Amino acid sequence: MITYWGRFTASGDPNGSGTPSWPAFNDRGGVLMSACDTSPASGDAPAACSKASRDFAENHNLAFWQSLSS
């Protein structure tokens, strides 16, 4: 995440070599970037397992959660 933020603040674009591509947000595209946590003991950066996905709503059962009224 530090790499993404550093690039974004410097150039307005978080993408660059050594990290997965971070797609621009688009209401119609439905693509979300998920940055996952890695174990500090692994030595792997979070970007090593980050991914862009189109099935976030299904994977997280958003329809169910949105159906609950408060």
PDB file of N, CA and C in Angstrom:
ATOM      1  N   MET A   1       0.826  -1.182   0.000  1.00  0.00           N
ATOM      2  CA  MET A   1       0.000   0.000   0.000  1.00  0.00           C
ATOM      3  C   MET A   1       0.874   1.251   0.000  1.00  0.00           C
ATOM      4  N   ILE A   2       1.989   1.214   0.695  1.00  0.00           N
ATOM      5  CA  ILE A   2       2.874   2.376   0.714  1.00  0.00           C
ATOM      6  C   ILE A   2       3.345   2.701  -0.698  1.00  0.00           C
ATOM      7  N   THR A   3       3.682   1.673  -1.458  1.00  0.00           N
ATOM      8  CA  THR A   3       4.128   1.880  -2.842  1.00  0.00           C
ATOM      9  C   THR A   3       3.018   2.504  -3.679  1.00  0.00           C
ATOM     10  N   TYR A   4       1.805   1.964  -3.557  1.00  0.00           N
ATOM     11  CA  TYR A   4       0.679   2.516  -4.309  1.00  0.00           C
ATOM     12  C   TYR A   4       0.453   3.990  -3.952  1.00  0.00           C
ATOM     13  N   TRP A   5       0.404   4.291  -2.649  1.00  0.00           N
ATOM     14  CA  TRP A   5       0.156   5.668  -2.217  1.00  0.00           C
ATOM     15  C   TRP A   5       1.284   6.589  -2.637  1.00  0.00           C
ATOM     16  N   GLY A   6       2.519   6.123  -2.524  1.00  0.00           N
ATOM     17  CA  GLY A   6       3.658   6.944  -2.935  1.00  0.00           C
ATOM     18  C   GLY A   6       3.588   7.309  -4.408  1.00  0.00           C
ATOM     19  N   ARG A   7       3.297   6.328  -5.240  1.00  0.00           N
ATOM     20  CA  ARG A   7       3.167   6.600  -6.674  1.00  0.00           C
ATOM     21  C   ARG A   7       1.997   7.533  -6.963  1.00  0.00           C
ATOM     22  N   PHE A   8       0.883   7.282  -6.263  1.00  0.00           N
ATOM     23  CA  PHE A   8      -0.302   8.102  -6.498  1.00  0.00           C
ATOM     24  C   PHE A   8      -0.051   9.560  -6.129  1.00  0.00           C
ATOM     25  N   THR A   9       0.596   9.799  -4.992  1.00  0.00           N
ATOM     26  CA  THR A   9       0.839  11.182  -4.589  1.00  0.00           C
ATOM     27  C   THR A   9       1.851  11.867  -5.500  1.00  0.00           C
ATOM     28  N   ALA A  10       2.773  11.097  -6.055  1.00  0.00           N
ATOM     29  CA  ALA A  10       3.794  11.687  -6.929  1.00  0.00           C
ATOM     30  C   ALA A  10       3.283  11.951  -8.340  1.00  0.00           C
ATOM     31  N   SER A  11       2.409  11.059  -8.834  1.00  0.00           N
ATOM     32  CA  SER A  11       2.036  11.170 -10.245  1.00  0.00           C
ATOM     33  C   SER A  11       0.533  11.166 -10.513  1.00  0.00           C
ATOM     34  N   GLY A  12      -0.277  10.846  -9.501  1.00  0.00           N
ATOM     35  CA  GLY A  12      -1.713  10.725  -9.722  1.00  0.00           C
ATOM     36  C   GLY A  12      -2.120   9.349 -10.230  1.00  0.00           C
ATOM     37  N   ASP A  13      -1.148   8.439 -10.352  1.00  0.00           N
ATOM     38  CA  ASP A  13      -1.405   7.072 -10.834  1.00  0.00           C
ATOM     39  C   ASP A  13      -0.671   6.095  -9.917  1.00  0.00           C
ATOM     40  N   PRO A  14      -1.389   5.189  -9.250  1.00  0.00           N
ATOM     41  CA  PRO A  14      -0.752   4.262  -8.326  1.00  0.00           C
ATOM     42  C   PRO A  14       0.008   3.114  -9.005  1.00  0.00           C
ATOM     43  N   ASN A  15      -0.156   2.948 -10.310  1.00  0.00           N
ATOM     44  CA  ASN A  15       0.416   1.801 -11.012  1.00  0.00           C
ATOM     45  C   ASN A  15       1.893   1.987 -11.332  1.00  0.00           C
ATOM     46  N   GLY A  16       2.577   0.846 -11.380  1.00  0.00           N
ATOM     47  CA  GLY A  16       3.990   0.834 -11.736  1.00  0.00           C
ATOM     48  C   GLY A  16       4.523  -0.582 -11.692  1.00  0.00           C
ATOM     49  N   SER A  17       5.796  -0.733 -11.927  1.00  0.00           N
ATOM     50  CA  SER A  17       6.374  -2.078 -11.964  1.00  0.00           C
ATOM     51  C   SER A  17       6.452  -2.684 -10.567  1.00  0.00           C
ATOM     52  N   GLY A  18       6.312  -4.000 -10.519  1.00  0.00           N
ATOM     53  CA  GLY A  18       6.447  -4.739  -9.271  1.00  0.00           C
ATOM     54  C   GLY A  18       5.188  -4.866  -8.438  1.00  0.00           C
ATOM     55  N   THR A  19       4.071  -4.295  -8.890  1.00  0.00           N
ATOM     56  CA  THR A  19       2.811  -4.424  -8.166  1.00  0.00           C
ATOM     57  C   THR A  19       1.691  -4.724  -9.161  1.00  0.00           C
ATOM     58  N   PRO A  20       0.637  -5.422  -8.709  1.00  0.00           N
ATOM     59  CA  PRO A  20      -0.499  -5.673  -9.602  1.00  0.00           C
ATOM     60  C   PRO A  20      -1.128  -4.352 -10.045  1.00  0.00           C
ATOM     61  N   SER A  21      -1.671  -4.337 -11.241  1.00  0.00           N
ATOM     62  CA  SER A  21      -2.306  -3.137 -11.764  1.00  0.00           C
ATOM     63  C   SER A  21      -3.519  -2.771 -10.918  1.00  0.00           C
ATOM     64  N   TRP A  22      -3.633  -1.500 -10.571  1.00  0.00           N
ATOM     65  CA  TRP A  22      -4.762  -1.008  -9.795  1.00  0.00           C
ATOM     66  C   TRP A  22      -5.680  -0.273 -10.758  1.00  0.00           C
ATOM     67  N   PRO A  23      -6.836  -0.866 -11.105  1.00  0.00           N
ATOM     68  CA  PRO A  23      -7.718  -0.234 -12.096  1.00  0.00           C
ATOM     69  C   PRO A  23      -8.385   1.014 -11.532  1.00  0.00           C
ATOM     70  N   ALA A  24      -8.652   1.972 -12.408  1.00  0.00           N
ATOM     71  CA  ALA A  24      -9.372   3.172 -12.004  1.00  0.00           C
ATOM     72  C   ALA A  24     -10.794   2.789 -11.621  1.00  0.00           C
ATOM     73  N   PHE A  25     -11.327   3.428 -10.589  1.00  0.00           N
ATOM     74  CA  PHE A  25     -12.688   3.132 -10.159  1.00  0.00           C
ATOM     75  C   PHE A  25     -13.676   3.650 -11.185  1.00  0.00           C
ATOM     76  N   ASN A  26     -14.693   2.853 -11.444  1.00  0.00           N
ATOM     77  CA  ASN A  26     -15.719   3.202 -12.396  1.00  0.00           C
ATOM     78  C   ASN A  26     -17.020   2.605 -11.883  1.00  0.00           C
ATOM     79  N   ASP A  27     -18.021   3.435 -11.652  1.00  0.00           N
ATOM     80  CA  ASP A  27     -19.309   2.942 -11.153  1.00  0.00           C
ATOM     81  C   ASP A  27     -19.892   1.842 -12.024  1.00  0.00           C
ATOM     82  N   ARG A  28     -19.682   1.912 -13.319  1.00  0.00           N
ATOM     83  CA  ARG A  28     -20.266   0.944 -14.244  1.00  0.00           C
ATOM     84  C   ARG A  28     -19.401  -0.301 -14.406  1.00  0.00           C
ATOM     85  N   GLY A  29     -18.110  -0.202 -14.123  1.00  0.00           N
ATOM     86  CA  GLY A  29     -17.212  -1.328 -14.347  1.00  0.00           C
ATOM     87  C   GLY A  29     -17.304  -2.418 -13.306  1.00  0.00           C
ATOM     88  N   GLY A  30     -17.582  -2.034 -12.067  1.00  0.00           N
ATOM     89  CA  GLY A  30     -17.723  -3.015 -11.010  1.00  0.00           C
ATOM     90  C   GLY A  30     -16.422  -3.667 -10.580  1.00  0.00           C
ATOM     91  N   VAL A  31     -15.268  -3.096 -10.946  1.00  0.00           N
ATOM     92  CA  VAL A  31     -13.990  -3.684 -10.574  1.00  0.00           C
ATOM     93  C   VAL A  31     -13.492  -3.025  -9.298  1.00  0.00           C
ATOM     94  N   LEU A  32     -13.154  -3.848  -8.313  1.00  0.00           N
ATOM     95  CA  LEU A  32     -12.607  -3.353  -7.060  1.00  0.00           C
ATOM     96  C   LEU A  32     -11.235  -3.958  -6.833  1.00  0.00           C
ATOM     97  N   MET A  33     -10.338  -3.171  -6.251  1.00  0.00           N
ATOM     98  CA  MET A  33      -9.010  -3.667  -5.907  1.00  0.00           C
ATOM     99  C   MET A  33      -9.036  -4.063  -4.449  1.00  0.00           C
ATOM    100  N   SER A  34      -8.616  -5.269  -4.169  1.00  0.00           N
ATOM    101  CA  SER A  34      -8.546  -5.762  -2.801  1.00  0.00           C
ATOM    102  C   SER A  34      -7.084  -5.931  -2.417  1.00  0.00           C
ATOM    103  N   ALA A  35      -6.669  -5.200  -1.417  1.00  0.00           N
ATOM    104  CA  ALA A  35      -5.309  -5.357  -0.893  1.00  0.00           C
ATOM    105  C   ALA A  35      -5.422  -6.257   0.324  1.00  0.00           C
ATOM    106  N   CYS A  36      -4.775  -7.393   0.285  1.00  0.00           N
ATOM    107  CA  CYS A  36      -4.923  -8.345   1.376  1.00  0.00           C
ATOM    108  C   CYS A  36      -3.774  -8.228   2.368  1.00  0.00           C
ATOM    109  N   ASP A  37      -4.027  -8.681   3.558  1.00  0.00           N
ATOM    110  CA  ASP A  37      -3.006  -8.676   4.594  1.00  0.00           C
ATOM    111  C   ASP A  37      -2.117  -9.896   4.441  1.00  0.00           C
ATOM    112  N   THR A  38      -0.858  -9.730   4.739  1.00  0.00           N
ATOM    113  CA  THR A  38       0.056 -10.859   4.772  1.00  0.00           C
ATOM    114  C   THR A  38       0.666 -10.925   6.163  1.00  0.00           C
ATOM    115  N   SER A  39       1.092 -12.069   6.537  1.00  0.00           N
ATOM    116  CA  SER A  39       1.719 -12.239   7.839  1.00  0.00           C
ATOM    117  C   SER A  39       3.036 -11.468   7.880  1.00  0.00           C
ATOM    118  N   PRO A  40       3.275 -10.661   8.919  1.00  0.00           N
ATOM    119  CA  PRO A  40       4.548  -9.945   9.003  1.00  0.00           C
ATOM    120  C   PRO A  40       5.752 -10.890   8.942  1.00  0.00           C
ATOM    121  N   ALA A  41       5.586 -12.104   9.437  1.00  0.00           N
ATOM    122  CA  ALA A  41       6.689 -13.066   9.438  1.00  0.00           C
ATOM    123  C   ALA A  41       7.017 -13.574   8.044  1.00  0.00           C
ATOM    124  N   SER A  42       6.078 -13.421   7.094  1.00  0.00           N
ATOM    125  CA  SER A  42       6.308 -13.943   5.748  1.00  0.00           C
ATOM    126  C   SER A  42       7.304 -13.104   4.967  1.00  0.00           C
ATOM    127  N   GLY A  43       7.404 -11.817   5.306  1.00  0.00           N
ATOM    128  CA  GLY A  43       8.287 -10.931   4.562  1.00  0.00           C
ATOM    129  C   GLY A  43       7.690 -10.466   3.249  1.00  0.00           C
ATOM    130  N   ASP A  44       6.472 -10.926   2.907  1.00  0.00           N
ATOM    131  CA  ASP A  44       5.807 -10.533   1.670  1.00  0.00           C
ATOM    132  C   ASP A  44       5.036  -9.238   1.871  1.00  0.00           C
ATOM    133  N   ALA A  45       5.109  -8.379   0.885  1.00  0.00           N
ATOM    134  CA  ALA A  45       4.332  -7.140   0.930  1.00  0.00           C
ATOM    135  C   ALA A  45       2.869  -7.447   0.651  1.00  0.00           C
ATOM    136  N   PRO A  46       1.925  -6.645   1.180  1.00  0.00           N
ATOM    137  CA  PRO A  46       0.506  -6.887   0.896  1.00  0.00           C
ATOM    138  C   PRO A  46       0.198  -6.931  -0.592  1.00  0.00           C
ATOM    139  N   ALA A  47       0.924  -6.167  -1.391  1.00  0.00           N
ATOM    140  CA  ALA A  47       0.659  -6.149  -2.829  1.00  0.00           C
ATOM    141  C   ALA A  47       0.911  -7.506  -3.473  1.00  0.00           C
ATOM    142  N   ALA A  48       1.658  -8.363  -2.808  1.00  0.00           N
ATOM    143  CA  ALA A  48       1.967  -9.673  -3.377  1.00  0.00           C
ATOM    144  C   ALA A  48       0.712 -10.516  -3.567  1.00  0.00           C
ATOM    145  N   CYS A  49      -0.327 -10.255  -2.800  1.00  0.00           N
ATOM    146  CA  CYS A  49      -1.552 -11.044  -2.946  1.00  0.00           C
ATOM    147  C   CYS A  49      -2.755 -10.170  -3.263  1.00  0.00           C
ATOM    148  N   SER A  50      -2.531  -8.911  -3.599  1.00  0.00           N
ATOM    149  CA  SER A  50      -3.628  -8.027  -3.961  1.00  0.00           C
ATOM    150  C   SER A  50      -4.170  -8.407  -5.332  1.00  0.00           C
ATOM    151  N   LYS A  51      -5.443  -8.115  -5.547  1.00  0.00           N
ATOM    152  CA  LYS A  51      -6.035  -8.467  -6.833  1.00  0.00           C
ATOM    153  C   LYS A  51      -7.215  -7.564  -7.145  1.00  0.00           C
ATOM    154  N   ALA A  52      -7.487  -7.444  -8.419  1.00  0.00           N
ATOM    155  CA  ALA A  52      -8.678  -6.743  -8.880  1.00  0.00           C
ATOM    156  C   ALA A  52      -9.728  -7.813  -9.155  1.00  0.00           C
ATOM    157  N   SER A  53     -10.950  -7.564  -8.713  1.00  0.00           N
ATOM    158  CA  SER A  53     -11.990  -8.566  -8.938  1.00  0.00           C
ATOM    159  C   SER A  53     -13.305  -7.901  -9.313  1.00  0.00           C
ATOM    160  N   ARG A  54     -14.124  -8.655 -10.015  1.00  0.00           N
ATOM    161  CA  ARG A  54     -15.455  -8.203 -10.402  1.00  0.00           C
ATOM    162  C   ARG A  54     -16.541  -8.897  -9.576  1.00  0.00           C
ATOM    163  N   ASP A  55     -16.160  -9.832  -8.735  1.00  0.00           N
ATOM    164  CA  ASP A  55     -17.154 -10.601  -8.000  1.00  0.00           C
ATOM    165  C   ASP A  55     -17.166 -10.294  -6.501  1.00  0.00           C
ATOM    166  N   PHE A  56     -16.765  -9.079  -6.139  1.00  0.00           N
ATOM    167  CA  PHE A  56     -16.726  -8.679  -4.732  1.00  0.00           C
ATOM    168  C   PHE A  56     -18.087  -8.833  -4.079  1.00  0.00           C
ATOM    169  N   ALA A  57     -19.138  -8.331  -4.739  1.00  0.00           N
ATOM    170  CA  ALA A  57     -20.482  -8.380  -4.160  1.00  0.00           C
ATOM    171  C   ALA A  57     -20.922  -9.808  -3.866  1.00  0.00           C
ATOM    172  N   GLU A  58     -20.653 -10.707  -4.791  1.00  0.00           N
ATOM    173  CA  GLU A  58     -21.034 -12.106  -4.590  1.00  0.00           C
ATOM    174  C   GLU A  58     -20.205 -12.754  -3.490  1.00  0.00           C
ATOM    175  N   ASN A  59     -18.898 -12.538  -3.513  1.00  0.00           N
ATOM    176  CA  ASN A  59     -18.013 -13.155  -2.523  1.00  0.00           C
ATOM    177  C   ASN A  59     -18.293 -12.692  -1.100  1.00  0.00           C
ATOM    178  N   HIS A  60     -18.816 -11.483  -0.963  1.00  0.00           N
ATOM    179  CA  HIS A  60     -19.076 -10.940   0.365  1.00  0.00           C
ATOM    180  C   HIS A  60     -20.563 -10.876   0.705  1.00  0.00           C
ATOM    181  N   ASN A  61     -21.391 -11.524  -0.101  1.00  0.00           N
ATOM    182  CA  ASN A  61     -22.835 -11.623   0.154  1.00  0.00           C
ATOM    183  C   ASN A  61     -23.484 -10.257   0.385  1.00  0.00           C
ATOM    184  N   LEU A  62     -23.141  -9.285  -0.458  1.00  0.00           N
ATOM    185  CA  LEU A  62     -23.665  -7.939  -0.255  1.00  0.00           C
ATOM    186  C   LEU A  62     -25.178  -7.874  -0.352  1.00  0.00           C
ATOM    187  N   ALA A  63     -25.771  -8.681  -1.202  1.00  0.00           N
ATOM    188  CA  ALA A  63     -27.231  -8.663  -1.308  1.00  0.00           C
ATOM    189  C   ALA A  63     -27.874  -9.012   0.033  1.00  0.00           C
ATOM    190  N   PHE A  64     -27.309  -9.973   0.724  1.00  0.00           N
ATOM    191  CA  PHE A  64     -27.826 -10.344   2.039  1.00  0.00           C
ATOM    192  C   PHE A  64     -27.696  -9.188   3.015  1.00  0.00           C
ATOM    193  N   TRP A  65     -26.503  -8.600   3.086  1.00  0.00           N
ATOM    194  CA  TRP A  65     -26.256  -7.527   4.046  1.00  0.00           C
ATOM    195  C   TRP A  65     -27.092  -6.287   3.741  1.00  0.00           C
ATOM    196  N   GLN A  66     -27.314  -6.015   2.472  1.00  0.00           N
ATOM    197  CA  GLN A  66     -28.139  -4.874   2.089  1.00  0.00           C
ATOM    198  C   GLN A  66     -29.611  -5.127   2.363  1.00  0.00           C
ATOM    199  N   SER A  67     -30.005  -6.390   2.448  1.00  0.00           N
ATOM    200  CA  SER A  67     -31.411  -6.711   2.711  1.00  0.00           C
ATOM    201  C   SER A  67     -31.786  -6.515   4.180  1.00  0.00           C
ATOM    202  N   LEU A  68     -30.811  -6.439   5.051  1.00  0.00           N
ATOM    203  CA  LEU A  68     -31.092  -6.244   6.472  1.00  0.00           C
ATOM    204  C   LEU A  68     -31.436  -4.783   6.709  1.00  0.00           C
ATOM    205  N   SER A  69     -32.531  -4.558   7.354  1.00  0.00           N
ATOM    206  CA  SER A  69     -32.898  -3.168   7.649  1.00  0.00           C
ATOM    207  C   SER A  69     -32.416  -2.809   9.044  1.00  0.00           C
ATOM    208  N   SER A  70     -32.104  -1.555   9.205  1.00  0.00           N
ATOM    209  CA  SER A  70     -31.631  -1.131  10.521  1.00  0.00           C
ATOM    210  C   SER A  70     -32.726  -0.498  11.344  1.00  0.00           C
TER     211      SER A  70
END
